């Protein structure tokens, strides 16, 4: 084998090893969503692009509503999909950067929510249109505080 072939094979192997290592280190997010929701699928793509390993599960609306209730998500915090990651609940179109911060800071909280479906949030992109929205830190008693404001 000549030196060039050795370098090509070595580079390919290193790239593969890096991807495997990233997948094993990346937090795994399990997303529960409606099978017909395009914005939920777009949010899944956003999270995968940010390096998260995503297991998207299509469920019927009754099962999704039950999961939200069992997870402690109050009606004022509801959005279209619910996700679980490393002991936290994610509700709605939470930006990947906010999830990364949550997992780094590890606050004593239920998780994060972006209530509703704000235009311009991940998965809800509509050209140049953008609404200001907040990512809320949810607590077990139903209270919240602003975790991150997105302008």
C-alpha atoms as a PDB file:
ATOM      1  CA  UNK A   1       0.000   0.000   0.000  1.00  0.00           C
ATOM      2  CA  UNK A   2       1.425   3.381  -0.943  1.00  0.00           C
ATOM      3  CA  UNK A   3       1.554   6.367   1.402  1.00  0.00           C
ATOM      4  CA  UNK A   4      -1.398   8.163  -0.241  1.00  0.00           C
ATOM      5  CA  UNK A   5      -3.696   5.127   0.068  1.00  0.00           C
ATOM      6  CA  UNK A   6      -2.643   4.728   3.685  1.00  0.00           C
ATOM      7  CA  UNK A   7      -3.493   8.401   4.396  1.00  0.00           C
ATOM      8  CA  UNK A   8      -6.888   8.136   2.656  1.00  0.00           C
ATOM      9  CA  UNK A   9      -7.820   4.984   4.587  1.00  0.00           C
ATOM     10  CA  UNK A  10      -6.518   6.457   7.845  1.00  0.00           C
ATOM     11  CA  UNK A  11      -8.460   9.689   7.330  1.00  0.00           C
ATOM     12  CA  UNK A  12     -11.660   7.794   6.535  1.00  0.00           C
ATOM     13  CA  UNK A  13     -11.226   5.585   9.603  1.00  0.00           C
ATOM     14  CA  UNK A  14     -10.596   8.614  11.829  1.00  0.00           C
ATOM     15  CA  UNK A  15     -13.719  10.314  10.460  1.00  0.00           C
ATOM     16  CA  UNK A  16     -15.805   7.221  11.132  1.00  0.00           C
ATOM     17  CA  UNK A  17     -14.378   6.873  14.624  1.00  0.00           C
ATOM     18  CA  UNK A  18     -15.183  10.533  15.308  1.00  0.00           C
ATOM     19  CA  UNK A  19     -18.812  10.072  14.188  1.00  0.00           C
ATOM     20  CA  UNK A  20     -19.189   6.927  16.285  1.00  0.00           C
ATOM     21  CA  UNK A  21     -17.654   8.689  19.297  1.00  0.00           C
ATOM     22  CA  UNK A  22     -19.946  11.718  18.805  1.00  0.00           C
ATOM     23  CA  UNK A  23     -23.003   9.469  18.592  1.00  0.00           C
ATOM     24  CA  UNK A  24     -22.090   7.637  21.774  1.00  0.00           C
ATOM     25  CA  UNK A  25     -21.390  10.907  23.642  1.00  0.00           C
ATOM     26  CA  UNK A  26     -24.331  12.885  22.253  1.00  0.00           C
ATOM     27  CA  UNK A  27     -27.401  13.018  24.472  1.00  0.00           C
ATOM     28  CA  UNK A  28     -30.219  10.844  23.156  1.00  0.00           C
ATOM     29  CA  UNK A  29     -33.544  12.610  22.807  1.00  0.00           C
ATOM     30  CA  UNK A  30     -36.773  10.622  22.557  1.00  0.00           C
ATOM     31  CA  UNK A  31     -39.445  12.709  20.808  1.00  0.00           C
ATOM     32  CA  UNK A  32     -43.147  11.884  20.920  1.00  0.00           C
ATOM     33  CA  UNK A  33     -45.075  13.523  18.097  1.00  0.00           C
ATOM     34  CA  UNK A  34     -48.000  13.236  15.749  1.00  0.00           C
ATOM     35  CA  UNK A  35     -47.155  11.315  12.561  1.00  0.00           C
ATOM     36  CA  UNK A  36     -48.596  14.136  10.440  1.00  0.00           C
ATOM     37  CA  UNK A  37     -46.869  17.119  12.072  1.00  0.00           C
ATOM     38  CA  UNK A  38     -44.339  18.653   9.688  1.00  0.00           C
ATOM     39  CA  UNK A  39     -43.030  21.206  12.174  1.00  0.00           C
ATOM     40  CA  UNK A  40     -42.248  18.420  14.660  1.00  0.00           C
ATOM     41  CA  UNK A  41     -40.212  16.620  12.011  1.00  0.00           C
ATOM     42  CA  UNK A  42     -38.409  19.887  11.216  1.00  0.00           C
ATOM     43  CA  UNK A  43     -37.560  20.287  14.940  1.00  0.00           C
ATOM     44  CA  UNK A  44     -36.161  16.733  14.967  1.00  0.00           C
ATOM     45  CA  UNK A  45     -33.919  17.688  12.015  1.00  0.00           C
ATOM     46  CA  UNK A  46     -32.817  20.840  13.887  1.00  0.00           C
ATOM     47  CA  UNK A  47     -31.792  18.753  16.893  1.00  0.00           C
ATOM     48  CA  UNK A  48     -29.971  16.180  14.742  1.00  0.00           C
ATOM     49  CA  UNK A  49     -28.109  18.994  12.943  1.00  0.00           C
ATOM     50  CA  UNK A  50     -26.957  20.206  16.364  1.00  0.00           C
ATOM     51  CA  UNK A  51     -25.456  16.780  17.091  1.00  0.00           C
ATOM     52  CA  UNK A  52     -28.186  15.183  19.178  1.00  0.00           C
ATOM     53  CA  UNK A  53     -29.165  11.575  18.597  1.00  0.00           C
ATOM     54  CA  UNK A  54     -32.949  11.631  18.136  1.00  0.00           C
ATOM     55  CA  UNK A  55     -35.410   8.767  18.422  1.00  0.00           C
ATOM     56  CA  UNK A  56     -38.655  10.160  16.967  1.00  0.00           C
ATOM     57  CA  UNK A  57     -41.769   8.186  17.872  1.00  0.00           C
ATOM     58  CA  UNK A  58     -45.113   8.772  16.186  1.00  0.00           C
ATOM     59  CA  UNK A  59     -48.025   8.442  18.608  1.00  0.00           C
ATOM     60  CA  UNK A  60     -51.741   9.194  18.492  1.00  0.00           C
ATOM     61  CA  UNK A  61     -52.967  12.451  20.034  1.00  0.00           C
ATOM     62  CA  UNK A  62     -54.552  10.791  23.093  1.00  0.00           C
ATOM     63  CA  UNK A  63     -51.251   9.099  23.960  1.00  0.00           C
ATOM     64  CA  UNK A  64     -49.356  12.349  23.423  1.00  0.00           C
ATOM     65  CA  UNK A  65     -51.761  14.269  25.675  1.00  0.00           C
ATOM     66  CA  UNK A  66     -51.426  11.590  28.372  1.00  0.00           C
ATOM     67  CA  UNK A  67     -47.616  11.795  28.184  1.00  0.00           C
ATOM     68  CA  UNK A  68     -47.741  15.571  28.577  1.00  0.00           C
ATOM     69  CA  UNK A  69     -49.950  15.268  31.635  1.00  0.00           C
ATOM     70  CA  UNK A  70     -47.850  12.467  33.185  1.00  0.00           C
ATOM     71  CA  UNK A  71     -44.691  14.494  32.545  1.00  0.00           C
ATOM     72  CA  UNK A  72     -46.010  17.467  34.516  1.00  0.00           C
ATOM     73  CA  UNK A  73     -46.584  19.799  31.591  1.00  0.00           C
ATOM     74  CA  UNK A  74     -49.356  22.223  32.499  1.00  0.00           C
ATOM     75  CA  UNK A  75     -51.874  23.364  29.850  1.00  0.00           C
ATOM     76  CA  UNK A  76     -50.291  26.831  29.567  1.00  0.00           C
ATOM     77  CA  UNK A  77     -46.942  25.270  28.562  1.00  0.00           C
ATOM     78  CA  UNK A  78     -48.196  22.865  25.886  1.00  0.00           C
ATOM     79  CA  UNK A  79     -46.923  22.783  22.321  1.00  0.00           C
ATOM     80  CA  UNK A  80     -47.114  20.117  19.623  1.00  0.00           C
ATOM     81  CA  UNK A  81     -44.419  17.587  20.612  1.00  0.00           C
ATOM     82  CA  UNK A  82     -42.852  16.361  23.836  1.00  0.00           C
ATOM     83  CA  UNK A  83     -39.323  15.057  24.233  1.00  0.00           C
ATOM     84  CA  UNK A  84     -37.303  13.438  26.984  1.00  0.00           C
ATOM     85  CA  UNK A  85     -33.560  13.882  27.385  1.00  0.00           C
ATOM     86  CA  UNK A  86     -31.292  12.869  30.238  1.00  0.00           C
ATOM     87  CA  UNK A  87     -33.948  13.210  32.956  1.00  0.00           C
ATOM     88  CA  UNK A  88     -35.533  16.386  31.562  1.00  0.00           C
ATOM     89  CA  UNK A  89     -38.737  17.085  29.627  1.00  0.00           C
ATOM     90  CA  UNK A  90     -38.677  19.295  26.529  1.00  0.00           C
ATOM     91  CA  UNK A  91     -41.977  20.701  25.327  1.00  0.00           C
ATOM     92  CA  UNK A  92     -42.251  22.252  21.898  1.00  0.00           C
ATOM     93  CA  UNK A  93     -39.792  24.044  19.677  1.00  0.00           C
ATOM     94  CA  UNK A  94     -36.931  24.457  22.148  1.00  0.00           C
ATOM     95  CA  UNK A  95     -33.726  25.585  20.398  1.00  0.00           C
ATOM     96  CA  UNK A  96     -30.827  23.138  20.487  1.00  0.00           C
ATOM     97  CA  UNK A  97     -28.591  25.722  22.180  1.00  0.00           C
ATOM     98  CA  UNK A  98     -31.039  25.973  25.075  1.00  0.00           C
ATOM     99  CA  UNK A  99     -31.045  22.184  25.452  1.00  0.00           C
ATOM    100  CA  UNK A 100     -27.238  22.147  25.429  1.00  0.00           C
ATOM    101  CA  UNK A 101     -27.212  24.825  28.147  1.00  0.00           C
ATOM    102  CA  UNK A 102     -29.789  22.882  30.205  1.00  0.00           C
ATOM    103  CA  UNK A 103     -27.658  19.747  30.050  1.00  0.00           C
ATOM    104  CA  UNK A 104     -24.515  21.686  30.966  1.00  0.00           C
ATOM    105  CA  UNK A 105     -25.985  23.674  33.869  1.00  0.00           C
ATOM    106  CA  UNK A 106     -28.249  20.825  35.111  1.00  0.00           C
ATOM    107  CA  UNK A 107     -30.722  22.961  37.098  1.00  0.00           C
ATOM    108  CA  UNK A 108     -33.110  21.331  39.564  1.00  0.00           C
ATOM    109  CA  UNK A 109     -36.089  21.530  37.213  1.00  0.00           C
ATOM    110  CA  UNK A 110     -38.591  19.541  35.194  1.00  0.00           C
ATOM    111  CA  UNK A 111     -37.263  20.801  31.868  1.00  0.00           C
ATOM    112  CA  UNK A 112     -37.816  23.409  29.164  1.00  0.00           C
ATOM    113  CA  UNK A 113     -40.842  24.592  27.206  1.00  0.00           C
ATOM    114  CA  UNK A 114     -41.514  26.889  24.293  1.00  0.00           C
ATOM    115  CA  UNK A 115     -45.302  27.171  24.630  1.00  0.00           C
ATOM    116  CA  UNK A 116     -47.388  27.348  21.477  1.00  0.00           C
ATOM    117  CA  UNK A 117     -45.684  27.392  18.138  1.00  0.00           C
ATOM    118  CA  UNK A 118     -43.882  30.741  17.713  1.00  0.00           C
ATOM    119  CA  UNK A 119     -42.934  31.672  14.175  1.00  0.00           C
ATOM    120  CA  UNK A 120     -39.170  31.536  13.755  1.00  0.00           C
ATOM    121  CA  UNK A 121     -38.552  28.978  16.488  1.00  0.00           C
ATOM    122  CA  UNK A 122     -36.739  25.813  15.332  1.00  0.00           C
ATOM    123  CA  UNK A 123     -39.106  23.867  13.099  1.00  0.00           C
ATOM    124  CA  UNK A 124     -41.419  26.864  12.678  1.00  0.00           C
ATOM    125  CA  UNK A 125     -39.300  28.844  10.238  1.00  0.00           C
ATOM    126  CA  UNK A 126     -41.292  30.961   7.779  1.00  0.00           C
ATOM    127  CA  UNK A 127     -38.882  32.930   5.642  1.00  0.00           C
ATOM    128  CA  UNK A 128     -37.893  36.206   7.295  1.00  0.00           C
ATOM    129  CA  UNK A 129     -40.817  36.185   9.723  1.00  0.00           C
ATOM    130  CA  UNK A 130     -39.883  35.860  13.365  1.00  0.00           C
ATOM    131  CA  UNK A 131     -41.695  36.316  16.655  1.00  0.00           C
ATOM    132  CA  UNK A 132     -39.928  37.027  19.916  1.00  0.00           C
ATOM    133  CA  UNK A 133     -40.318  34.006  22.176  1.00  0.00           C
ATOM    134  CA  UNK A 134     -39.109  32.722  25.505  1.00  0.00           C
ATOM    135  CA  UNK A 135     -37.806  29.327  26.456  1.00  0.00           C
ATOM    136  CA  UNK A 136     -39.200  28.661  29.910  1.00  0.00           C
ATOM    137  CA  UNK A 137     -37.573  26.603  32.638  1.00  0.00           C
ATOM    138  CA  UNK A 138     -40.344  24.436  34.112  1.00  0.00           C
ATOM    139  CA  UNK A 139     -40.440  23.362  37.743  1.00  0.00           C
ATOM    140  CA  UNK A 140     -42.306  20.445  39.312  1.00  0.00           C
ATOM    141  CA  UNK A 141     -44.761  22.739  41.135  1.00  0.00           C
ATOM    142  CA  UNK A 142     -45.968  24.174  37.791  1.00  0.00           C
ATOM    143  CA  UNK A 143     -44.040  27.434  38.102  1.00  0.00           C
ATOM    144  CA  UNK A 144     -41.683  28.710  35.403  1.00  0.00           C
ATOM    145  CA  UNK A 145     -38.974  31.261  34.843  1.00  0.00           C
ATOM    146  CA  UNK A 146     -37.475  32.615  31.659  1.00  0.00           C
ATOM    147  CA  UNK A 147     -34.493  30.474  30.722  1.00  0.00           C
ATOM    148  CA  UNK A 148     -33.670  32.254  27.465  1.00  0.00           C
ATOM    149  CA  UNK A 149     -35.324  35.066  25.493  1.00  0.00           C
ATOM    150  CA  UNK A 150     -35.136  34.800  21.705  1.00  0.00           C
ATOM    151  CA  UNK A 151     -35.526  38.085  19.831  1.00  0.00           C
END
